[in-house]
Amino acid sequence: MPDLTLEQAQSSARVGTTTQALLERLHREHIEVGYFCDPELTALPGGSPLKNGDGRVVGAVDVSGLTSAEDPSVTDAMATAFLAG
């Protein structure tokens, strides 16, 4: 069984945005995550990409286990701290 937190981080890195933003896009465009034909892609909130100063994705972080509002706030703060150095 795949590790959900790993899938959230990988999804964030691959799409280049937070999994929260991906979830919002899916809702806004009325599409299912399966639309992307990738069984390992998830839109559960908690994944945030790590970007360098040029805006390139160099990794991702994920927090899982808090509320759906708290997970993204923690990873967003981590991504901001990463960018700040």
PDB file of N, CA and C in Angstrom:
ATOM      1  N   MET A   1       0.839  -1.172   0.000  1.00  0.00           N
ATOM      2  CA  MET A   1       0.000   0.000   0.000  1.00  0.00           C
ATOM      3  C   MET A   1       0.892   1.246   0.000  1.00  0.00           C
ATOM      4  N   PRO A   2       0.652   2.170  -0.908  1.00  0.00           N
ATOM      5  CA  PRO A   2       1.474   3.381  -0.997  1.00  0.00           C
ATOM      6  C   PRO A   2       1.319   4.256   0.244  1.00  0.00           C
ATOM      7  N   ASP A   3       2.362   4.987   0.554  1.00  0.00           N
ATOM      8  CA  ASP A   3       2.348   5.916   1.669  1.00  0.00           C
ATOM      9  C   ASP A   3       1.682   7.206   1.212  1.00  0.00           C
ATOM     10  N   LEU A   4       0.593   7.580   1.855  1.00  0.00           N
ATOM     11  CA  LEU A   4      -0.177   8.749   1.438  1.00  0.00           C
ATOM     12  C   LEU A   4       0.651  10.022   1.495  1.00  0.00           C
ATOM     13  N   THR A   5       1.455  10.180   2.547  1.00  0.00           N
ATOM     14  CA  THR A   5       2.234  11.413   2.642  1.00  0.00           C
ATOM     15  C   THR A   5       3.251  11.513   1.517  1.00  0.00           C
ATOM     16  N   LEU A   6       3.834  10.390   1.144  1.00  0.00           N
ATOM     17  CA  LEU A   6       4.770  10.388   0.020  1.00  0.00           C
ATOM     18  C   LEU A   6       4.047  10.764  -1.266  1.00  0.00           C
ATOM     19  N   GLU A   7       2.856  10.216  -1.467  1.00  0.00           N
ATOM     20  CA  GLU A   7       2.086  10.549  -2.673  1.00  0.00           C
ATOM     21  C   GLU A   7       1.691  12.019  -2.700  1.00  0.00           C
ATOM     22  N   GLN A   8       1.373  12.588  -1.546  1.00  0.00           N
ATOM     23  CA  GLN A   8       1.017  14.006  -1.507  1.00  0.00           C
ATOM     24  C   GLN A   8       2.229  14.865  -1.892  1.00  0.00           C
ATOM     25  N   ALA A   9       3.393  14.548  -1.342  1.00  0.00           N
ATOM     26  CA  ALA A   9       4.597  15.313  -1.680  1.00  0.00           C
ATOM     27  C   ALA A   9       4.951  15.141  -3.156  1.00  0.00           C
ATOM     28  N   GLN A  10       4.903  13.899  -3.644  1.00  0.00           N
ATOM     29  CA  GLN A  10       5.230  13.653  -5.051  1.00  0.00           C
ATOM     30  C   GLN A  10       4.241  14.355  -5.966  1.00  0.00           C
ATOM     31  N   SER A  11       2.982  14.330  -5.628  1.00  0.00           N
ATOM     32  CA  SER A  11       1.969  15.001  -6.450  1.00  0.00           C
ATOM     33  C   SER A  11       2.244  16.495  -6.514  1.00  0.00           C
ATOM     34  N   SER A  12       2.560  17.083  -5.374  1.00  0.00           N
ATOM     35  CA  SER A  12       2.848  18.511  -5.328  1.00  0.00           C
ATOM     36  C   SER A  12       4.053  18.864  -6.184  1.00  0.00           C
ATOM     37  N   ALA A  13       5.098  18.052  -6.090  1.00  0.00           N
ATOM     38  CA  ALA A  13       6.299  18.308  -6.890  1.00  0.00           C
ATOM     39  C   ALA A  13       6.001  18.158  -8.380  1.00  0.00           C
ATOM     40  N   ARG A  14       5.221  17.168  -8.736  1.00  0.00           N
ATOM     41  CA  ARG A  14       4.960  16.905 -10.155  1.00  0.00           C
ATOM     42  C   ARG A  14       4.057  17.951 -10.790  1.00  0.00           C
ATOM     43  N   VAL A  15       3.074  18.454 -10.042  1.00  0.00           N
ATOM     44  CA  VAL A  15       2.186  19.456 -10.638  1.00  0.00           C
ATOM     45  C   VAL A  15       2.693  20.870 -10.400  1.00  0.00           C
ATOM     46  N   GLY A  16       3.678  21.022  -9.510  1.00  0.00           N
ATOM     47  CA  GLY A  16       4.299  22.325  -9.286  1.00  0.00           C
ATOM     48  C   GLY A  16       3.489  23.286  -8.457  1.00  0.00           C
ATOM     49  N   THR A  17       2.517  22.763  -7.741  1.00  0.00           N
ATOM     50  CA  THR A  17       1.675  23.590  -6.885  1.00  0.00           C
ATOM     51  C   THR A  17       1.272  22.774  -5.668  1.00  0.00           C
ATOM     52  N   THR A  18       0.604  23.400  -4.744  1.00  0.00           N
ATOM     53  CA  THR A  18       0.169  22.663  -3.559  1.00  0.00           C
ATOM     54  C   THR A  18      -0.946  21.687  -3.936  1.00  0.00           C
ATOM     55  N   THR A  19      -1.074  20.654  -3.137  1.00  0.00           N
ATOM     56  CA  THR A  19      -2.168  19.725  -3.386  1.00  0.00           C
ATOM     57  C   THR A  19      -3.502  20.397  -3.075  1.00  0.00           C
ATOM     58  N   GLN A  20      -3.489  21.389  -2.193  1.00  0.00           N
ATOM     59  CA  GLN A  20      -4.700  22.169  -1.929  1.00  0.00           C
ATOM     60  C   GLN A  20      -5.119  22.925  -3.189  1.00  0.00           C
ATOM     61  N   ALA A  21      -4.161  23.542  -3.874  1.00  0.00           N
ATOM     62  CA  ALA A  21      -4.470  24.267  -5.116  1.00  0.00           C
ATOM     63  C   ALA A  21      -4.959  23.305  -6.190  1.00  0.00           C
ATOM     64  N   LEU A  22      -4.380  22.103  -6.221  1.00  0.00           N
ATOM     65  CA  LEU A  22      -4.843  21.101  -7.181  1.00  0.00           C
ATOM     66  C   LEU A  22      -6.285  20.710  -6.878  1.00  0.00           C
ATOM     67  N   LEU A  23      -6.598  20.499  -5.604  1.00  0.00           N
ATOM     68  CA  LEU A  23      -7.964  20.155  -5.215  1.00  0.00           C
ATOM     69  C   LEU A  23      -8.935  21.260  -5.609  1.00  0.00           C
ATOM     70  N   GLU A  24      -8.545  22.499  -5.380  1.00  0.00           N
ATOM     71  CA  GLU A  24      -9.402  23.632  -5.755  1.00  0.00           C
ATOM     72  C   GLU A  24      -9.622  23.672  -7.260  1.00  0.00           C
ATOM     73  N   ARG A  25      -8.592  23.361  -8.034  1.00  0.00           N
ATOM     74  CA  ARG A  25      -8.740  23.331  -9.502  1.00  0.00           C
ATOM     75  C   ARG A  25      -9.713  22.233  -9.916  1.00  0.00           C
ATOM     76  N   LEU A  26      -9.578  21.067  -9.298  1.00  0.00           N
ATOM     77  CA  LEU A  26     -10.482  19.964  -9.629  1.00  0.00           C
ATOM     78  C   LEU A  26     -11.926  20.358  -9.346  1.00  0.00           C
ATOM     79  N   HIS A  27     -12.161  21.005  -8.223  1.00  0.00           N
ATOM     80  CA  HIS A  27     -13.521  21.450  -7.893  1.00  0.00           C
ATOM     81  C   HIS A  27     -14.003  22.522  -8.862  1.00  0.00           C
ATOM     82  N   ARG A  28     -13.133  23.482  -9.142  1.00  0.00           N
ATOM     83  CA  ARG A  28     -13.503  24.596 -10.026  1.00  0.00           C
ATOM     84  C   ARG A  28     -13.840  24.113 -11.440  1.00  0.00           C
ATOM     85  N   GLU A  29     -13.063  23.144 -11.927  1.00  0.00           N
ATOM     86  CA  GLU A  29     -13.257  22.658 -13.296  1.00  0.00           C
ATOM     87  C   GLU A  29     -14.148  21.420 -13.370  1.00  0.00           C
ATOM     88  N   HIS A  30     -14.659  20.989 -12.225  1.00  0.00           N
ATOM     89  CA  HIS A  30     -15.561  19.828 -12.154  1.00  0.00           C
ATOM     90  C   HIS A  30     -14.959  18.584 -12.805  1.00  0.00           C
ATOM     91  N   ILE A  31     -13.711  18.290 -12.430  1.00  0.00           N
ATOM     92  CA  ILE A  31     -13.054  17.088 -12.944  1.00  0.00           C
ATOM     93  C   ILE A  31     -12.570  16.232 -11.781  1.00  0.00           C
ATOM     94  N   GLU A  32     -12.400  14.959 -12.037  1.00  0.00           N
ATOM     95  CA  GLU A  32     -11.890  14.016 -11.050  1.00  0.00           C
ATOM     96  C   GLU A  32     -10.373  13.942 -11.183  1.00  0.00           C
ATOM     97  N   VAL A  33      -9.703  13.584 -10.109  1.00  0.00           N
ATOM     98  CA  VAL A  33      -8.249  13.462 -10.152  1.00  0.00           C
ATOM     99  C   VAL A  33      -7.831  12.381 -11.158  1.00  0.00           C
ATOM    100  N   GLY A  34      -8.668  11.396 -11.399  1.00  0.00           N
ATOM    101  CA  GLY A  34      -8.382  10.347 -12.378  1.00  0.00           C
ATOM    102  C   GLY A  34      -8.273  10.868 -13.802  1.00  0.00           C
ATOM    103  N   TYR A  35      -8.747  12.064 -14.041  1.00  0.00           N
ATOM    104  CA  TYR A  35      -8.653  12.711 -15.348  1.00  0.00           C
ATOM    105  C   TYR A  35      -7.210  12.755 -15.832  1.00  0.00           C
ATOM    106  N   PHE A  36      -6.256  12.846 -14.887  1.00  0.00           N
ATOM    107  CA  PHE A  36      -4.846  12.946 -15.234  1.00  0.00           C
ATOM    108  C   PHE A  36      -4.205  11.599 -15.547  1.00  0.00           C
ATOM    109  N   CYS A  37      -4.989  10.517 -15.446  1.00  0.00           N
ATOM    110  CA  CYS A  37      -4.517   9.158 -15.788  1.00  0.00           C
ATOM    111  C   CYS A  37      -3.249   8.766 -15.024  1.00  0.00           C
ATOM    112  N   ASP A  38      -3.202   9.138 -13.762  1.00  0.00           N
ATOM    113  CA  ASP A  38      -2.057   8.815 -12.922  1.00  0.00           C
ATOM    114  C   ASP A  38      -2.581   8.324 -11.581  1.00  0.00           C
ATOM    115  N   PRO A  39      -2.508   7.023 -11.334  1.00  0.00           N
ATOM    116  CA  PRO A  39      -3.072   6.483 -10.094  1.00  0.00           C
ATOM    117  C   PRO A  39      -2.349   6.937  -8.832  1.00  0.00           C
ATOM    118  N   GLU A  40      -1.155   7.512  -8.948  1.00  0.00           N
ATOM    119  CA  GLU A  40      -0.420   7.968  -7.766  1.00  0.00           C
ATOM    120  C   GLU A  40      -0.611   9.456  -7.483  1.00  0.00           C
ATOM    121  N   LEU A  41      -1.374  10.140  -8.316  1.00  0.00           N
ATOM    122  CA  LEU A  41      -1.634  11.560  -8.116  1.00  0.00           C
ATOM    123  C   LEU A  41      -2.766  11.717  -7.102  1.00  0.00           C
ATOM    124  N   THR A  42      -2.549  12.576  -6.116  1.00  0.00           N
ATOM    125  CA  THR A  42      -3.584  12.842  -5.125  1.00  0.00           C
ATOM    126  C   THR A  42      -3.742  14.341  -4.930  1.00  0.00           C
ATOM    127  N   ALA A  43      -4.941  14.736  -4.588  1.00  0.00           N
ATOM    128  CA  ALA A  43      -5.220  16.153  -4.351  1.00  0.00           C
ATOM    129  C   ALA A  43      -5.591  16.399  -2.895  1.00  0.00           C
ATOM    130  N   LEU A  44      -5.256  15.464  -2.027  1.00  0.00           N
ATOM    131  CA  LEU A  44      -5.531  15.682  -0.611  1.00  0.00           C
ATOM    132  C   LEU A  44      -4.625  16.789  -0.087  1.00  0.00           C
ATOM    133  N   PRO A  45      -5.164  17.768   0.608  1.00  0.00           N
ATOM    134  CA  PRO A  45      -4.361  18.886   1.090  1.00  0.00           C
ATOM    135  C   PRO A  45      -3.220  18.442   1.997  1.00  0.00           C
ATOM    136  N   GLY A  46      -2.096  19.134   1.889  1.00  0.00           N
ATOM    137  CA  GLY A  46      -0.952  18.853   2.745  1.00  0.00           C
ATOM    138  C   GLY A  46       0.378  18.841   2.035  1.00  0.00           C
ATOM    139  N   GLY A  47       0.382  18.764   0.712  1.00  0.00           N
ATOM    140  CA  GLY A  47       1.636  18.769  -0.041  1.00  0.00           C
ATOM    141  C   GLY A  47       1.945  20.160  -0.590  1.00  0.00           C
ATOM    142  N   SER A  48       3.207  20.570  -0.453  1.00  0.00           N
ATOM    143  CA  SER A  48       3.644  21.859  -0.999  1.00  0.00           C
ATOM    144  C   SER A  48       4.970  21.676  -1.723  1.00  0.00           C
ATOM    145  N   PRO A  49       5.107  22.258  -2.905  1.00  0.00           N
ATOM    146  CA  PRO A  49       6.379  22.150  -3.611  1.00  0.00           C
ATOM    147  C   PRO A  49       7.436  23.047  -2.977  1.00  0.00           C
ATOM    148  N   LEU A  50       8.677  22.642  -3.078  1.00  0.00           N
ATOM    149  CA  LEU A  50       9.803  23.482  -2.679  1.00  0.00           C
ATOM    150  C   LEU A  50      10.398  24.040  -3.957  1.00  0.00           C
ATOM    151  N   LYS A  51      10.460  25.361  -4.052  1.00  0.00           N
ATOM    152  CA  LYS A  51      10.964  26.012  -5.261  1.00  0.00           C
ATOM    153  C   LYS A  51      12.206  26.813  -4.928  1.00  0.00           C
ATOM    154  N   ASN A  52      13.114  26.871  -5.891  1.00  0.00           N
ATOM    155  CA  ASN A  52      14.316  27.686  -5.699  1.00  0.00           C
ATOM    156  C   ASN A  52      14.004  29.136  -6.056  1.00  0.00           C
ATOM    157  N   GLY A  53      14.993  29.989  -6.002  1.00  0.00           N
ATOM    158  CA  GLY A  53      14.802  31.402  -6.281  1.00  0.00           C
ATOM    159  C   GLY A  53      14.328  31.698  -7.687  1.00  0.00           C
ATOM    160  N   ASP A  54      14.560  30.767  -8.629  1.00  0.00           N
ATOM    161  CA  ASP A  54      14.103  30.928 -10.003  1.00  0.00           C
ATOM    162  C   ASP A  54      12.691  30.395 -10.216  1.00  0.00           C
ATOM    163  N   GLY A  55      12.092  29.859  -9.168  1.00  0.00           N
ATOM    164  CA  GLY A  55      10.748  29.312  -9.277  1.00  0.00           C
ATOM    165  C   GLY A  55      10.690  27.866  -9.737  1.00  0.00           C
ATOM    166  N   ARG A  56      11.848  27.226  -9.875  1.00  0.00           N
ATOM    167  CA  ARG A  56      11.870  25.811 -10.284  1.00  0.00           C
ATOM    168  C   ARG A  56      11.608  24.915  -9.080  1.00  0.00           C
ATOM    169  N   VAL A  57      10.820  23.888  -9.300  1.00  0.00           N
ATOM    170  CA  VAL A  57      10.544  22.915  -8.244  1.00  0.00           C
ATOM    171  C   VAL A  57      11.777  22.051  -8.038  1.00  0.00           C
ATOM    172  N   VAL A  58      12.242  21.991  -6.796  1.00  0.00           N
ATOM    173  CA  VAL A  58      13.418  21.192  -6.470  1.00  0.00           C
ATOM    174  C   VAL A  58      13.091  20.084  -5.471  1.00  0.00           C
ATOM    175  N   GLY A  59      11.846  20.011  -5.052  1.00  0.00           N
ATOM    176  CA  GLY A  59      11.414  18.997  -4.102  1.00  0.00           C
ATOM    177  C   GLY A  59      10.028  19.336  -3.597  1.00  0.00           C
ATOM    178  N   ALA A  60       9.633  18.681  -2.523  1.00  0.00           N
ATOM    179  CA  ALA A  60       8.320  18.942  -1.941  1.00  0.00           C
ATOM    180  C   ALA A  60       8.311  18.463  -0.497  1.00  0.00           C
ATOM    181  N   VAL A  61       7.366  18.990   0.256  1.00  0.00           N
ATOM    182  CA  VAL A  61       7.163  18.570   1.636  1.00  0.00           C
ATOM    183  C   VAL A  61       5.698  18.224   1.829  1.00  0.00           C
ATOM    184  N   ASP A  62       5.433  17.443   2.852  1.00  0.00           N
ATOM    185  CA  ASP A  62       4.062  17.065   3.156  1.00  0.00           C
ATOM    186  C   ASP A  62       3.910  16.903   4.655  1.00  0.00           C
ATOM    187  N   VAL A  63       2.766  17.285   5.139  1.00  0.00           N
ATOM    188  CA  VAL A  63       2.370  17.023   6.516  1.00  0.00           C
ATOM    189  C   VAL A  63       0.993  16.389   6.438  1.00  0.00           C
ATOM    190  N   SER A  64       0.807  15.348   7.217  1.00  0.00           N
ATOM    191  CA  SER A  64      -0.477  14.674   7.238  1.00  0.00           C
ATOM    192  C   SER A  64      -0.788  14.283   8.670  1.00  0.00           C
ATOM    193  N   GLY A  65      -2.034  14.362   9.033  1.00  0.00           N
ATOM    194  CA  GLY A  65      -2.431  13.957  10.364  1.00  0.00           C
ATOM    195  C   GLY A  65      -3.074  15.066  11.170  1.00  0.00           C
ATOM    196  N   LEU A  66      -2.886  16.298  10.723  1.00  0.00           N
ATOM    197  CA  LEU A  66      -3.569  17.419  11.357  1.00  0.00           C
ATOM    198  C   LEU A  66      -4.905  17.595  10.639  1.00  0.00           C
ATOM    199  N   THR A  67      -5.568  18.707  10.826  1.00  0.00           N
ATOM    200  CA  THR A  67      -6.806  18.938  10.079  1.00  0.00           C
ATOM    201  C   THR A  67      -6.465  19.316   8.640  1.00  0.00           C
ATOM    202  N   SER A  68      -7.459  19.259   7.774  1.00  0.00           N
ATOM    203  CA  SER A  68      -7.217  19.594   6.370  1.00  0.00           C
ATOM    204  C   SER A  68      -6.857  21.065   6.199  1.00  0.00           C
ATOM    205  N   ALA A  69      -7.149  21.896   7.166  1.00  0.00           N
ATOM    206  CA  ALA A  69      -6.739  23.306   7.121  1.00  0.00           C
ATOM    207  C   ALA A  69      -5.341  23.488   7.692  1.00  0.00           C
ATOM    208  N   GLU A  70      -4.978  22.679   8.688  1.00  0.00           N
ATOM    209  CA  GLU A  70      -3.677  22.831   9.336  1.00  0.00           C
ATOM    210  C   GLU A  70      -2.535  22.245   8.515  1.00  0.00           C
ATOM    211  N   ASP A  71      -2.755  21.098   7.877  1.00  0.00           N
ATOM    212  CA  ASP A  71      -1.688  20.473   7.080  1.00  0.00           C
ATOM    213  C   ASP A  71      -1.100  21.444   6.067  1.00  0.00           C
ATOM    214  N   PRO A  72      -1.920  22.081   5.216  1.00  0.00           N
ATOM    215  CA  PRO A  72      -1.352  23.003   4.227  1.00  0.00           C
ATOM    216  C   PRO A  72      -0.682  24.219   4.840  1.00  0.00           C
ATOM    217  N   SER A  73      -1.187  24.702   5.960  1.00  0.00           N
ATOM    218  CA  SER A  73      -0.574  25.890   6.553  1.00  0.00           C
ATOM    219  C   SER A  73       0.838  25.571   7.040  1.00  0.00           C
ATOM    220  N   VAL A  74       1.051  24.368   7.533  1.00  0.00           N
ATOM    221  CA  VAL A  74       2.384  23.961   7.983  1.00  0.00           C
ATOM    222  C   VAL A  74       3.329  23.812   6.787  1.00  0.00           C
ATOM    223  N   THR A  75       2.885  23.133   5.746  1.00  0.00           N
ATOM    224  CA  THR A  75       3.775  22.920   4.603  1.00  0.00           C
ATOM    225  C   THR A  75       4.022  24.202   3.813  1.00  0.00           C
ATOM    226  N   ASP A  76       3.030  25.085   3.769  1.00  0.00           N
ATOM    227  CA  ASP A  76       3.243  26.388   3.124  1.00  0.00           C
ATOM    228  C   ASP A  76       4.328  27.171   3.859  1.00  0.00           C
ATOM    229  N   ALA A  77       4.298  27.124   5.187  1.00  0.00           N
ATOM    230  CA  ALA A  77       5.319  27.802   5.977  1.00  0.00           C
ATOM    231  C   ALA A  77       6.690  27.172   5.749  1.00  0.00           C
ATOM    232  N   MET A  78       6.743  25.856   5.627  1.00  0.00           N
ATOM    233  CA  MET A  78       7.998  25.175   5.353  1.00  0.00           C
ATOM    234  C   MET A  78       8.547  25.580   3.990  1.00  0.00           C
ATOM    235  N   ALA A  79       7.679  25.642   2.991  1.00  0.00           N
ATOM    236  CA  ALA A  79       8.113  26.026   1.640  1.00  0.00           C
ATOM    237  C   ALA A  79       8.609  27.466   1.609  1.00  0.00           C
ATOM    238  N   THR A  80       7.946  28.340   2.353  1.00  0.00           N
ATOM    239  CA  THR A  80       8.367  29.743   2.433  1.00  0.00           C
ATOM    240  C   THR A  80       9.729  29.846   3.113  1.00  0.00           C
ATOM    241  N   ALA A  81       9.921  29.089   4.181  1.00  0.00           N
ATOM    242  CA  ALA A  81      11.211  29.087   4.879  1.00  0.00           C
ATOM    243  C   ALA A  81      12.320  28.527   3.996  1.00  0.00           C
ATOM    244  N   PHE A  82      11.996  27.519   3.206  1.00  0.00           N
ATOM    245  CA  PHE A  82      12.986  26.948   2.282  1.00  0.00           C
ATOM    246  C   PHE A  82      13.438  27.993   1.270  1.00  0.00           C
ATOM    247  N   LEU A  83      12.493  28.708   0.706  1.00  0.00           N
ATOM    248  CA  LEU A  83      12.812  29.729  -0.295  1.00  0.00           C
ATOM    249  C   LEU A  83      13.638  30.856   0.322  1.00  0.00           C
ATOM    250  N   ALA A  84      13.339  31.201   1.567  1.00  0.00           N
ATOM    251  CA  ALA A  84      14.066  32.277   2.232  1.00  0.00           C
ATOM    252  C   ALA A  84      15.498  31.872   2.591  1.00  0.00           C
ATOM    253  N   GLY A  85      15.736  30.558   2.601  1.00  0.00           N
ATOM    254  CA  GLY A  85      17.085  30.068   2.886  1.00  0.00           C
ATOM    255  C   GLY A  85      17.240  29.791   4.319  1.00  0.00           C
TER     256      GLY A  85
END
